[in-house]
Amino acid sequence: MKVLIVVGSARQGRVADKVADYVASALGDRDGVEIETVDLAGLGLPFFDNQTLPAMEGYVPNTQAGLDWQAAVAGADRVIMTVAEYNHSYTPVLKNALDHLYKEWSGKPVALVGYGSVGGARAIAALEPVIGNVGIELRSDEARLVFGEHLSYSGEIIDQEAAAKLIDNTLDKLLV
């Protein structure tokens, strides 16, 4: 099974890459899982500007970054998104990445690993209608890593056991 990990923040000083590394480590302990990571900060996906909407017949991304993103999502059996909470919502780079595709999301099982002062809860809540609109099969029991409880503000794990339990529970739901 191929699992795509999406690093959903592009901010300097972010912890999304560290959270993605924790998820990859937990996935690496599972048999039969191939991991691919796409870091939206390095992908270079421009703001969506295609004349054809992704839901329309004949849609093709108009940049190499868009084609690479399309191939990564289409080629994955499952997707895990790191979801940072910025100003009570999810990141613009994640919204833009979602907007670039449509049919690739249809029925795709996705899990969320949120983090922030309330574990990314508000970001996840804001993201759910978008996810539902593009046909993603959201797997419940998302991990919500709280700054000061599970993670330090620099992204180091504070409570290894609790963080591992949250991540493992999310992976269990995603990989069925």
Protein backbone atom coordinates (compact mmCIF):
# COMPACT_ATOMS: atom_id res chain seq x y z
CA MET A 1 0.00 0.00 0.00
CA LYS A 2 1.38 3.40 -0.98
CA VAL A 3 0.80 6.18 1.54
CA LEU A 4 1.40 9.81 0.60
CA ILE A 5 2.31 12.18 3.44
CA VAL A 6 1.52 15.81 2.62
CA VAL A 7 3.51 18.42 4.54
CA GLY A 8 0.81 21.09 4.69
CA SER A 9 2.68 24.23 5.75
CA ALA A 10 5.19 26.43 3.97
CA ARG A 11 5.97 28.88 6.78
CA GLN A 12 9.57 29.42 7.82
CA GLY A 13 10.11 27.92 11.25
CA ARG A 14 7.22 25.51 10.75
CA VAL A 15 6.98 22.19 12.54
CA ALA A 16 4.97 20.44 9.79
CA ASP A 17 8.09 18.70 8.51
CA LYS A 18 8.84 17.34 11.99
CA VAL A 19 5.26 16.14 12.39
CA ALA A 20 5.49 14.47 8.96
CA ASP A 21 8.71 12.77 10.07
CA TYR A 22 6.96 11.40 13.18
CA VAL A 23 4.15 10.06 10.99
CA ALA A 24 6.63 8.53 8.53
CA SER A 25 8.46 6.86 11.40
CA ALA A 26 5.22 5.36 12.71
CA LEU A 27 4.30 4.20 9.20
CA GLY A 28 7.75 2.70 8.72
CA ASP A 29 6.98 0.25 11.52
CA ARG A 30 4.11 -1.25 9.50
CA ASP A 31 4.53 -4.06 6.99
CA GLY A 32 3.60 -3.55 3.36
CA VAL A 33 3.56 0.25 3.47
CA GLU A 34 5.47 2.33 0.92
CA ILE A 35 5.82 5.99 1.90
CA GLU A 36 6.07 9.04 -0.34
CA THR A 37 6.23 12.57 1.05
CA VAL A 38 5.27 15.75 -0.76
CA ASP A 39 6.34 18.95 0.95
CA LEU A 40 4.07 21.70 -0.33
CA ALA A 41 6.76 24.28 0.51
CA GLY A 42 9.11 22.76 -2.05
CA LEU A 43 6.57 21.68 -4.65
CA GLY A 44 6.29 25.14 -6.17
CA LEU A 45 2.59 24.87 -6.92
CA PRO A 46 1.41 28.30 -8.16
CA PHE A 47 -1.94 29.72 -7.13
CA PHE A 48 -4.57 27.88 -9.13
CA ASP A 49 -5.13 29.71 -12.42
CA ASN A 50 -6.14 27.05 -14.93
CA GLN A 51 -9.00 28.02 -17.26
CA THR A 52 -10.45 24.54 -16.92
CA LEU A 53 -11.77 23.54 -13.52
CA PRO A 54 -10.34 20.32 -12.05
CA ALA A 55 -13.85 18.79 -11.89
CA MET A 56 -14.36 19.26 -15.63
CA GLU A 57 -13.68 16.66 -18.28
CA GLY A 58 -10.32 17.19 -19.96
CA TYR A 59 -8.68 19.01 -17.05
CA VAL A 60 -4.90 18.86 -17.11
CA PRO A 61 -2.71 20.87 -14.72
CA ASN A 62 -0.93 23.67 -16.59
CA THR A 63 2.41 23.51 -14.73
CA GLN A 64 4.97 20.81 -14.06
CA ALA A 65 4.39 21.24 -10.34
CA GLY A 66 0.67 20.65 -10.93
CA LEU A 67 1.40 17.53 -12.97
CA ASP A 68 3.77 16.25 -10.25
CA TRP A 69 1.15 16.89 -7.58
CA GLN A 70 -1.53 15.17 -9.66
CA ALA A 71 0.69 12.10 -10.14
CA ALA A 72 1.56 11.90 -6.44
CA VAL A 73 -2.08 11.99 -5.30
CA ALA A 74 -3.33 9.70 -8.08
CA GLY A 75 -0.60 7.18 -7.34
CA ALA A 76 -1.31 6.97 -3.60
CA ASP A 77 -3.63 4.44 -2.03
CA ARG A 78 -3.97 6.56 1.11
CA VAL A 79 -3.05 10.15 2.06
CA ILE A 80 -2.06 11.71 5.37
CA MET A 81 -2.08 15.50 5.63
CA THR A 82 -0.30 17.46 8.33
CA VAL A 83 -2.68 20.27 9.23
CA ALA A 84 -1.25 23.34 10.94
CA GLU A 85 -3.62 25.81 12.53
CA TYR A 86 -3.01 29.39 11.40
CA ASN A 87 -5.47 32.02 12.64
CA HIS A 88 -8.12 29.38 13.46
CA SER A 89 -7.95 27.79 10.00
CA TYR A 90 -5.75 25.65 7.78
CA THR A 91 -2.93 26.95 5.64
CA PRO A 92 -3.34 28.65 2.25
CA VAL A 93 -0.77 26.33 0.70
CA LEU A 94 -2.91 23.32 1.66
CA LYS A 95 -6.07 24.94 0.26
CA ASN A 96 -4.28 25.72 -2.98
CA ALA A 97 -3.04 22.13 -3.27
CA LEU A 98 -6.56 20.79 -2.73
CA ASP A 99 -7.93 23.21 -5.33
CA HIS A 100 -5.56 21.92 -8.02
CA LEU A 101 -7.19 18.49 -8.17
CA TYR A 102 -10.62 16.90 -8.13
CA LYS A 103 -11.02 13.42 -9.61
CA GLU A 104 -7.79 12.28 -7.91
CA TRP A 105 -9.44 12.93 -4.54
CA SER A 106 -12.66 11.04 -5.30
CA GLY A 107 -13.01 8.25 -2.77
CA LYS A 108 -9.39 8.61 -1.64
CA PRO A 109 -8.98 7.62 2.03
CA VAL A 110 -7.35 10.53 3.88
CA ALA A 111 -6.31 11.02 7.49
CA LEU A 112 -5.39 14.28 9.18
CA VAL A 113 -2.67 14.95 11.72
CA GLY A 114 -3.43 18.37 13.14
CA TYR A 115 -1.26 20.40 15.44
CA GLY A 116 -1.36 23.75 17.17
CA SER A 117 -2.48 25.36 20.40
CA VAL A 118 -5.67 23.26 20.38
CA GLY A 119 -4.27 20.42 18.31
CA GLY A 120 -5.34 21.89 15.00
CA ALA A 121 -9.00 21.35 15.90
CA ARG A 122 -10.23 24.60 14.33
CA ALA A 123 -8.11 24.04 11.20
CA ILE A 124 -9.54 20.55 10.84
CA ALA A 125 -13.08 21.85 11.34
CA ALA A 126 -12.52 24.48 8.64
CA LEU A 127 -10.99 21.89 6.30
CA GLU A 128 -13.77 19.30 6.57
CA PRO A 129 -16.26 21.02 4.19
CA VAL A 130 -13.56 21.38 1.52
CA ILE A 131 -12.56 17.75 1.93
CA GLY A 132 -16.18 16.65 1.61
CA ASN A 133 -16.70 18.76 -1.49
CA VAL A 134 -13.87 17.09 -3.42
CA GLY A 135 -15.03 13.59 -2.47
CA ILE A 136 -12.27 12.63 -0.05
CA GLU A 137 -13.11 9.74 2.24
CA LEU A 138 -12.07 11.28 5.55
CA ARG A 139 -11.02 8.66 8.06
CA SER A 140 -12.07 9.64 11.58
CA ASP A 141 -10.02 9.85 14.74
CA GLU A 142 -7.56 12.40 13.43
CA ALA A 143 -4.51 12.97 15.57
CA ARG A 144 -4.54 16.34 17.29
CA LEU A 145 -1.13 17.21 18.67
CA VAL A 146 -1.30 20.07 21.17
CA PHE A 147 1.56 22.51 21.70
CA GLY A 148 2.76 22.33 25.28
CA GLU A 149 1.23 18.90 25.79
CA HIS A 150 2.35 16.63 22.93
CA LEU A 151 4.71 18.96 21.03
CA SER A 152 7.01 21.81 21.96
CA TYR A 153 6.59 25.00 19.93
CA SER A 154 9.71 23.99 18.01
CA GLY A 155 8.12 20.65 17.11
CA GLU A 156 9.90 18.31 19.49
CA ILE A 157 7.80 15.55 21.03
CA ILE A 158 7.13 16.28 24.72
CA ASP A 159 5.02 13.23 25.57
CA GLN A 160 6.24 10.40 23.34
CA GLU A 161 3.69 7.87 24.58
CA ALA A 162 0.65 10.12 24.16
CA ALA A 163 1.74 11.44 20.76
CA ALA A 164 2.51 7.93 19.49
CA LYS A 165 -0.92 6.74 20.66
CA LEU A 166 -2.69 9.55 18.78
CA ILE A 167 -0.70 8.97 15.60
CA ASP A 168 -1.03 5.17 15.75
CA ASN A 169 -4.79 5.42 16.28
CA THR A 170 -5.08 7.65 13.21
CA LEU A 171 -2.94 5.28 11.14
CA ASP A 172 -5.01 2.29 12.29
CA LYS A 173 -8.15 3.96 10.92
CA LEU A 174 -6.47 4.99 7.67
CA LEU A 175 -4.86 1.67 6.80
CA VAL A 176 -7.96 -0.55 7.05
